[in-house]
């Protein structure tokens, strides 16, 4: 999956934070919901503009960032 098809960065939206394309829902928001225990299905149900592919794109972007060394610290 190429997450770039679903995620965009626009300086005029959420101060330039990565968001699901066409929404103001941030990638960080989705990752926070997942880490809090929500399933992708629950996220999609709670936030109808999102699809499961959007949630997976957030994970793909986070994984790529981690591999590139932008993960924010040691595990």
PDB file of N, CA and C in Angstrom:
ATOM      1  N   UNK A   1       0.844  -1.189   0.000  1.00  0.00           N
ATOM      2  CA  UNK A   1       0.000   0.000   0.000  1.00  0.00           C
ATOM      3  C   UNK A   1       0.883   1.244   0.000  1.00  0.00           C
ATOM      4  N   UNK A   2       0.567   2.178  -0.857  1.00  0.00           N
ATOM      5  CA  UNK A   2       1.264   3.458  -0.853  1.00  0.00           C
ATOM      6  C   UNK A   2       0.426   4.439  -0.046  1.00  0.00           C
ATOM      7  N   UNK A   3       0.862   4.694   1.177  1.00  0.00           N
ATOM      8  CA  UNK A   3       0.097   5.556   2.078  1.00  0.00           C
ATOM      9  C   UNK A   3      -0.056   6.970   1.516  1.00  0.00           C
ATOM     10  N   UNK A   4       0.826   7.371   0.610  1.00  0.00           N
ATOM     11  CA  UNK A   4       0.769   8.728   0.056  1.00  0.00           C
ATOM     12  C   UNK A   4      -0.519   8.991  -0.734  1.00  0.00           C
ATOM     13  N   UNK A   5      -1.184   7.927  -1.153  1.00  0.00           N
ATOM     14  CA  UNK A   5      -2.453   8.091  -1.867  1.00  0.00           C
ATOM     15  C   UNK A   5      -3.585   8.488  -0.923  1.00  0.00           C
ATOM     16  N   UNK A   6      -3.414   8.263   0.367  1.00  0.00           N
ATOM     17  CA  UNK A   6      -4.492   8.499   1.332  1.00  0.00           C
ATOM     18  C   UNK A   6      -4.168   9.557   2.368  1.00  0.00           C
ATOM     19  N   UNK A   7      -2.904   9.941   2.472  1.00  0.00           N
ATOM     20  CA  UNK A   7      -2.476  10.887   3.503  1.00  0.00           C
ATOM     21  C   UNK A   7      -1.845  12.096   2.836  1.00  0.00           C
ATOM     22  N   UNK A   8      -2.199  13.276   3.342  1.00  0.00           N
ATOM     23  CA  UNK A   8      -1.633  14.501   2.783  1.00  0.00           C
ATOM     24  C   UNK A   8      -1.178  15.427   3.903  1.00  0.00           C
ATOM     25  N   UNK A   9      -0.305  16.343   3.529  1.00  0.00           N
ATOM     26  CA  UNK A   9       0.153  17.383   4.448  1.00  0.00           C
ATOM     27  C   UNK A   9      -0.126  18.713   3.768  1.00  0.00           C
ATOM     28  N   UNK A  10      -0.937  19.523   4.431  1.00  0.00           N
ATOM     29  CA  UNK A  10      -1.310  20.834   3.903  1.00  0.00           C
ATOM     30  C   UNK A  10      -1.057  21.845   5.011  1.00  0.00           C
ATOM     31  N   UNK A  11      -0.191  22.832   4.783  1.00  0.00           N
ATOM     32  CA  UNK A  11       0.102  23.811   5.829  1.00  0.00           C
ATOM     33  C   UNK A  11      -1.141  24.507   6.376  1.00  0.00           C
ATOM     34  N   UNK A  12      -2.215  24.560   5.587  1.00  0.00           N
ATOM     35  CA  UNK A  12      -3.437  25.216   6.020  1.00  0.00           C
ATOM     36  C   UNK A  12      -4.396  24.323   6.792  1.00  0.00           C
ATOM     37  N   UNK A  13      -4.029  23.057   6.978  1.00  0.00           N
ATOM     38  CA  UNK A  13      -4.893  22.107   7.695  1.00  0.00           C
ATOM     39  C   UNK A  13      -4.125  21.547   8.885  1.00  0.00           C
ATOM     40  N   UNK A  14      -4.661  21.774  10.066  1.00  0.00           N
ATOM     41  CA  UNK A  14      -4.068  21.248  11.309  1.00  0.00           C
ATOM     42  C   UNK A  14      -2.583  21.591  11.430  1.00  0.00           C
ATOM     43  N   UNK A  15      -2.245  22.817  11.065  1.00  0.00           N
ATOM     44  CA  UNK A  15      -0.874  23.322  11.191  1.00  0.00           C
ATOM     45  C   UNK A  15       0.140  22.466  10.442  1.00  0.00           C
ATOM     46  N   UNK A  16      -0.288  21.882   9.327  1.00  0.00           N
ATOM     47  CA  UNK A  16       0.622  21.106   8.498  1.00  0.00           C
ATOM     48  C   UNK A  16       0.873  19.688   8.959  1.00  0.00           C
ATOM     49  N   UNK A  17       0.061  19.208   9.895  1.00  0.00           N
ATOM     50  CA  UNK A  17       0.219  17.816  10.337  1.00  0.00           C
ATOM     51  C   UNK A  17      -0.386  16.876   9.297  1.00  0.00           C
ATOM     52  N   UNK A  18       0.176  15.692   9.205  1.00  0.00           N
ATOM     53  CA  UNK A  18      -0.324  14.696   8.257  1.00  0.00           C
ATOM     54  C   UNK A  18      -1.759  14.316   8.616  1.00  0.00           C
ATOM     55  N   UNK A  19      -2.641  14.373   7.615  1.00  0.00           N
ATOM     56  CA  UNK A  19      -4.056  14.052   7.805  1.00  0.00           C
ATOM     57  C   UNK A  19      -4.522  13.092   6.719  1.00  0.00           C
ATOM     58  N   UNK A  20      -5.613  12.404   7.025  1.00  0.00           N
ATOM     59  CA  UNK A  20      -6.256  11.591   6.005  1.00  0.00           C
ATOM     60  C   UNK A  20      -6.766  12.550   4.935  1.00  0.00           C
ATOM     61  N   UNK A  21      -6.404  12.282   3.703  1.00  0.00           N
ATOM     62  CA  UNK A  21      -6.756  13.163   2.584  1.00  0.00           C
ATOM     63  C   UNK A  21      -8.257  13.472   2.586  1.00  0.00           C
ATOM     64  N   UNK A  22      -8.574  14.759   2.461  1.00  0.00           N
ATOM     65  CA  UNK A  22      -9.964  15.192   2.397  1.00  0.00           C
ATOM     66  C   UNK A  22     -10.636  15.350   3.749  1.00  0.00           C
ATOM     67  N   UNK A  23      -9.879  15.137   4.834  1.00  0.00           N
ATOM     68  CA  UNK A  23     -10.433  15.297   6.180  1.00  0.00           C
ATOM     69  C   UNK A  23      -9.477  16.137   7.017  1.00  0.00           C
ATOM     70  N   UNK A  24      -9.901  16.427   8.228  1.00  0.00           N
ATOM     71  CA  UNK A  24      -9.028  17.078   9.202  1.00  0.00           C
ATOM     72  C   UNK A  24      -8.606  16.072  10.278  1.00  0.00           C
ATOM     73  N   UNK A  25      -8.783  14.804  10.000  1.00  0.00           N
ATOM     74  CA  UNK A  25      -8.414  13.748  10.943  1.00  0.00           C
ATOM     75  C   UNK A  25      -6.938  13.435  10.751  1.00  0.00           C
ATOM     76  N   UNK A  26      -6.165  13.641  11.815  1.00  0.00           N
ATOM     77  CA  UNK A  26      -4.729  13.466  11.742  1.00  0.00           C
ATOM     78  C   UNK A  26      -4.282  12.018  11.854  1.00  0.00           C
ATOM     79  N   UNK A  27      -3.148  11.737  11.221  1.00  0.00           N
ATOM     80  CA  UNK A  27      -2.540  10.412  11.346  1.00  0.00           C
ATOM     81  C   UNK A  27      -2.256  10.124  12.818  1.00  0.00           C
ATOM     82  N   UNK A  28      -1.767  11.115  13.531  1.00  0.00           N
ATOM     83  CA  UNK A  28      -1.493  10.943  14.956  1.00  0.00           C
ATOM     84  C   UNK A  28      -2.737  10.591  15.749  1.00  0.00           C
ATOM     85  N   UNK A  29      -3.877  11.163  15.362  1.00  0.00           N
ATOM     86  CA  UNK A  29      -5.137  10.830  16.033  1.00  0.00           C
ATOM     87  C   UNK A  29      -5.447   9.348  15.860  1.00  0.00           C
ATOM     88  N   UNK A  30      -5.329   8.875  14.626  1.00  0.00           N
ATOM     89  CA  UNK A  30      -5.630   7.468  14.339  1.00  0.00           C
ATOM     90  C   UNK A  30      -4.682   6.557  15.117  1.00  0.00           C
ATOM     91  N   UNK A  31      -3.396   6.897  15.134  1.00  0.00           N
ATOM     92  CA  UNK A  31      -2.430   6.081  15.875  1.00  0.00           C
ATOM     93  C   UNK A  31      -2.732   6.098  17.371  1.00  0.00           C
ATOM     94  N   UNK A  32      -3.139   7.245  17.893  1.00  0.00           N
ATOM     95  CA  UNK A  32      -3.521   7.326  19.311  1.00  0.00           C
ATOM     96  C   UNK A  32      -4.715   6.429  19.610  1.00  0.00           C
ATOM     97  N   UNK A  33      -5.709   6.437  18.731  1.00  0.00           N
ATOM     98  CA  UNK A  33      -6.894   5.598  18.949  1.00  0.00           C
ATOM     99  C   UNK A  33      -6.520   4.123  18.934  1.00  0.00           C
ATOM    100  N   UNK A  34      -5.649   3.750  17.998  1.00  0.00           N
ATOM    101  CA  UNK A  34      -5.204   2.352  17.942  1.00  0.00           C
ATOM    102  C   UNK A  34      -4.436   1.978  19.205  1.00  0.00           C
ATOM    103  N   UNK A  35      -3.545   2.853  19.649  1.00  0.00           N
ATOM    104  CA  UNK A  35      -2.754   2.533  20.839  1.00  0.00           C
ATOM    105  C   UNK A  35      -3.608   2.523  22.104  1.00  0.00           C
ATOM    106  N   UNK A  36      -4.744   3.207  22.061  1.00  0.00           N
ATOM    107  CA  UNK A  36      -5.666   3.191  23.200  1.00  0.00           C
ATOM    108  C   UNK A  36      -6.545   1.945  23.209  1.00  0.00           C
ATOM    109  N   UNK A  37      -6.420   1.127  22.154  1.00  0.00           N
ATOM    110  CA  UNK A  37      -7.160  -0.129  22.132  1.00  0.00           C
ATOM    111  C   UNK A  37      -8.306  -0.210  21.153  1.00  0.00           C
ATOM    112  N   UNK A  38      -8.580   0.876  20.430  1.00  0.00           N
ATOM    113  CA  UNK A  38      -9.647   0.802  19.429  1.00  0.00           C
ATOM    114  C   UNK A  38      -9.193  -0.074  18.271  1.00  0.00           C
ATOM    115  N   UNK A  39     -10.114  -0.829  17.714  1.00  0.00           N
ATOM    116  CA  UNK A  39      -9.808  -1.623  16.527  1.00  0.00           C
ATOM    117  C   UNK A  39     -10.034  -0.752  15.289  1.00  0.00           C
ATOM    118  N   UNK A  40      -9.452  -1.138  14.158  1.00  0.00           N
ATOM    119  CA  UNK A  40      -9.746  -0.385  12.933  1.00  0.00           C
ATOM    120  C   UNK A  40     -11.247  -0.314  12.644  1.00  0.00           C
ATOM    121  N   UNK A  41     -11.954  -1.396  12.919  1.00  0.00           N
ATOM    122  CA  UNK A  41     -13.400  -1.408  12.690  1.00  0.00           C
ATOM    123  C   UNK A  41     -14.108  -0.379  13.564  1.00  0.00           C
ATOM    124  N   UNK A  42     -13.692  -0.271  14.823  1.00  0.00           N
ATOM    125  CA  UNK A  42     -14.298   0.710  15.727  1.00  0.00           C
ATOM    126  C   UNK A  42     -14.007   2.135  15.267  1.00  0.00           C
ATOM    127  N   UNK A  43     -12.796   2.376  14.807  1.00  0.00           N
ATOM    128  CA  UNK A  43     -12.429   3.710  14.333  1.00  0.00           C
ATOM    129  C   UNK A  43     -13.287   4.101  13.134  1.00  0.00           C
ATOM    130  N   UNK A  44     -13.429   3.193  12.189  1.00  0.00           N
ATOM    131  CA  UNK A  44     -14.238   3.472  10.993  1.00  0.00           C
ATOM    132  C   UNK A  44     -15.698   3.708  11.369  1.00  0.00           C
ATOM    133  N   UNK A  45     -16.195   2.946  12.323  1.00  0.00           N
ATOM    134  CA  UNK A  45     -17.583   3.116  12.765  1.00  0.00           C
ATOM    135  C   UNK A  45     -17.760   4.466  13.474  1.00  0.00           C
ATOM    136  N   UNK A  46     -16.789   4.860  14.282  1.00  0.00           N
ATOM    137  CA  UNK A  46     -16.865   6.104  15.052  1.00  0.00           C
ATOM    138  C   UNK A  46     -16.613   7.346  14.178  1.00  0.00           C
ATOM    139  N   UNK A  47     -15.809   7.190  13.152  1.00  0.00           N
ATOM    140  CA  UNK A  47     -15.427   8.305  12.277  1.00  0.00           C
ATOM    141  C   UNK A  47     -15.738   7.930  10.827  1.00  0.00           C
ATOM    142  N   UNK A  48     -16.995   8.087  10.417  1.00  0.00           N
ATOM    143  CA  UNK A  48     -17.453   7.626   9.104  1.00  0.00           C
ATOM    144  C   UNK A  48     -16.663   8.137   7.897  1.00  0.00           C
ATOM    145  N   UNK A  49     -15.995   9.299   7.967  1.00  0.00           N
ATOM    146  CA  UNK A  49     -15.222   9.678   6.777  1.00  0.00           C
ATOM    147  C   UNK A  49     -14.052   8.728   6.492  1.00  0.00           C
ATOM    148  N   UNK A  50     -13.670   7.922   7.482  1.00  0.00           N
ATOM    149  CA  UNK A  50     -12.515   7.036   7.328  1.00  0.00           C
ATOM    150  C   UNK A  50     -12.913   5.653   6.832  1.00  0.00           C
ATOM    151  N   UNK A  51     -11.971   5.032   6.141  1.00  0.00           N
ATOM    152  CA  UNK A  51     -12.126   3.642   5.716  1.00  0.00           C
ATOM    153  C   UNK A  51     -11.031   2.819   6.383  1.00  0.00           C
ATOM    154  N   UNK A  52     -11.174   1.511   6.324  1.00  0.00           N
ATOM    155  CA  UNK A  52     -10.119   0.651   6.869  1.00  0.00           C
ATOM    156  C   UNK A  52      -8.811   0.896   6.135  1.00  0.00           C
ATOM    157  N   UNK A  53      -8.878   1.178   4.844  1.00  0.00           N
ATOM    158  CA  UNK A  53      -7.661   1.464   4.081  1.00  0.00           C
ATOM    159  C   UNK A  53      -6.970   2.723   4.609  1.00  0.00           C
ATOM    160  N   UNK A  54      -7.749   3.704   5.070  1.00  0.00           N
ATOM    161  CA  UNK A  54      -7.163   4.909   5.664  1.00  0.00           C
ATOM    162  C   UNK A  54      -6.401   4.565   6.941  1.00  0.00           C
ATOM    163  N   UNK A  55      -6.996   3.728   7.772  1.00  0.00           N
ATOM    164  CA  UNK A  55      -6.348   3.316   9.023  1.00  0.00           C
ATOM    165  C   UNK A  55      -5.053   2.565   8.711  1.00  0.00           C
ATOM    166  N   UNK A  56      -5.097   1.672   7.733  1.00  0.00           N
ATOM    167  CA  UNK A  56      -3.898   0.922   7.354  1.00  0.00           C
ATOM    168  C   UNK A  56      -2.830   1.851   6.775  1.00  0.00           C
ATOM    169  N   UNK A  57      -3.258   2.902   6.070  1.00  0.00           N
ATOM    170  CA  UNK A  57      -2.302   3.870   5.532  1.00  0.00           C
ATOM    171  C   UNK A  57      -1.574   4.593   6.661  1.00  0.00           C
ATOM    172  N   UNK A  58      -2.282   4.888   7.744  1.00  0.00           N
ATOM    173  CA  UNK A  58      -1.637   5.514   8.906  1.00  0.00           C
ATOM    174  C   UNK A  58      -0.571   4.596   9.485  1.00  0.00           C
ATOM    175  N   UNK A  59      -0.892   3.323   9.594  1.00  0.00           N
ATOM    176  CA  UNK A  59       0.089   2.360  10.103  1.00  0.00           C
ATOM    177  C   UNK A  59       1.275   2.232   9.153  1.00  0.00           C
ATOM    178  N   UNK A  60       1.008   2.219   7.859  1.00  0.00           N
ATOM    179  CA  UNK A  60       2.089   2.110   6.880  1.00  0.00           C
ATOM    180  C   UNK A  60       3.013   3.321   6.959  1.00  0.00           C
ATOM    181  N   UNK A  61       2.440   4.504   7.129  1.00  0.00           N
ATOM    182  CA  UNK A  61       3.261   5.714   7.246  1.00  0.00           C
ATOM    183  C   UNK A  61       4.091   5.665   8.515  1.00  0.00           C
ATOM    184  N   UNK A  62       3.500   5.235   9.617  1.00  0.00           N
ATOM    185  CA  UNK A  62       4.238   5.133  10.878  1.00  0.00           C
ATOM    186  C   UNK A  62       5.376   4.123  10.763  1.00  0.00           C
ATOM    187  N   UNK A  63       5.119   2.998  10.108  1.00  0.00           N
ATOM    188  CA  UNK A  63       6.157   1.978   9.941  1.00  0.00           C
ATOM    189  C   UNK A  63       7.300   2.516   9.089  1.00  0.00           C
ATOM    190  N   UNK A  64       6.971   3.223   8.024  1.00  0.00           N
ATOM    191  CA  UNK A  64       8.014   3.790   7.167  1.00  0.00           C
ATOM    192  C   UNK A  64       8.836   4.820   7.932  1.00  0.00           C
ATOM    193  N   UNK A  65       8.166   5.634   8.722  1.00  0.00           N
ATOM    194  CA  UNK A  65       8.857   6.634   9.525  1.00  0.00           C
ATOM    195  C   UNK A  65       9.808   5.970  10.523  1.00  0.00           C
ATOM    196  N   UNK A  66       9.362   4.897  11.128  1.00  0.00           N
ATOM    197  CA  UNK A  66      10.196   4.155  12.086  1.00  0.00           C
ATOM    198  C   UNK A  66      11.432   3.579  11.389  1.00  0.00           C
ATOM    199  N   UNK A  67      11.236   2.988  10.231  1.00  0.00           N
ATOM    200  CA  UNK A  67      12.366   2.414   9.481  1.00  0.00           C
ATOM    201  C   UNK A  67      13.363   3.488   9.068  1.00  0.00           C
ATOM    202  N   UNK A  68      12.860   4.684   8.817  1.00  0.00           N
ATOM    203  CA  UNK A  68      13.727   5.783   8.393  1.00  0.00           C
ATOM    204  C   UNK A  68      14.442   6.436   9.573  1.00  0.00           C
ATOM    205  N   UNK A  69      14.146   5.969  10.777  1.00  0.00           N
ATOM    206  CA  UNK A  69      14.807   6.512  11.952  1.00  0.00           C
ATOM    207  C   UNK A  69      14.138   7.718  12.560  1.00  0.00           C
ATOM    208  N   UNK A  70      12.870   7.921  12.228  1.00  0.00           N
ATOM    209  CA  UNK A  70      12.124   9.053  12.780  1.00  0.00           C
ATOM    210  C   UNK A  70      11.105   8.588  13.815  1.00  0.00           C
ATOM    211  N   UNK A  71      11.387   7.476  14.454  1.00  0.00           N
ATOM    212  CA  UNK A  71      10.426   6.877  15.371  1.00  0.00           C
ATOM    213  C   UNK A  71      10.334   7.530  16.727  1.00  0.00           C
ATOM    214  N   UNK A  72      11.285   8.367  17.072  1.00  0.00           N
ATOM    215  CA  UNK A  72      11.164   9.107  18.319  1.00  0.00           C
ATOM    216  C   UNK A  72      11.747   8.433  19.537  1.00  0.00           C
ATOM    217  N   UNK A  73      12.647   7.507  19.375  1.00  0.00           N
ATOM    218  CA  UNK A  73      13.305   6.941  20.546  1.00  0.00           C
ATOM    219  C   UNK A  73      13.469   5.448  20.471  1.00  0.00           C
ATOM    220  N   UNK A  74      14.233   4.940  21.397  1.00  0.00           N
ATOM    221  CA  UNK A  74      14.507   3.498  21.444  1.00  0.00           C
ATOM    222  C   UNK A  74      13.366   2.756  22.109  1.00  0.00           C
ATOM    223  N   UNK A  75      13.206   1.521  21.701  1.00  0.00           N
ATOM    224  CA  UNK A  75      12.150   0.685  22.287  1.00  0.00           C
ATOM    225  C   UNK A  75      12.671  -0.040  23.495  1.00  0.00           C
TER     226      UNK A  75
END
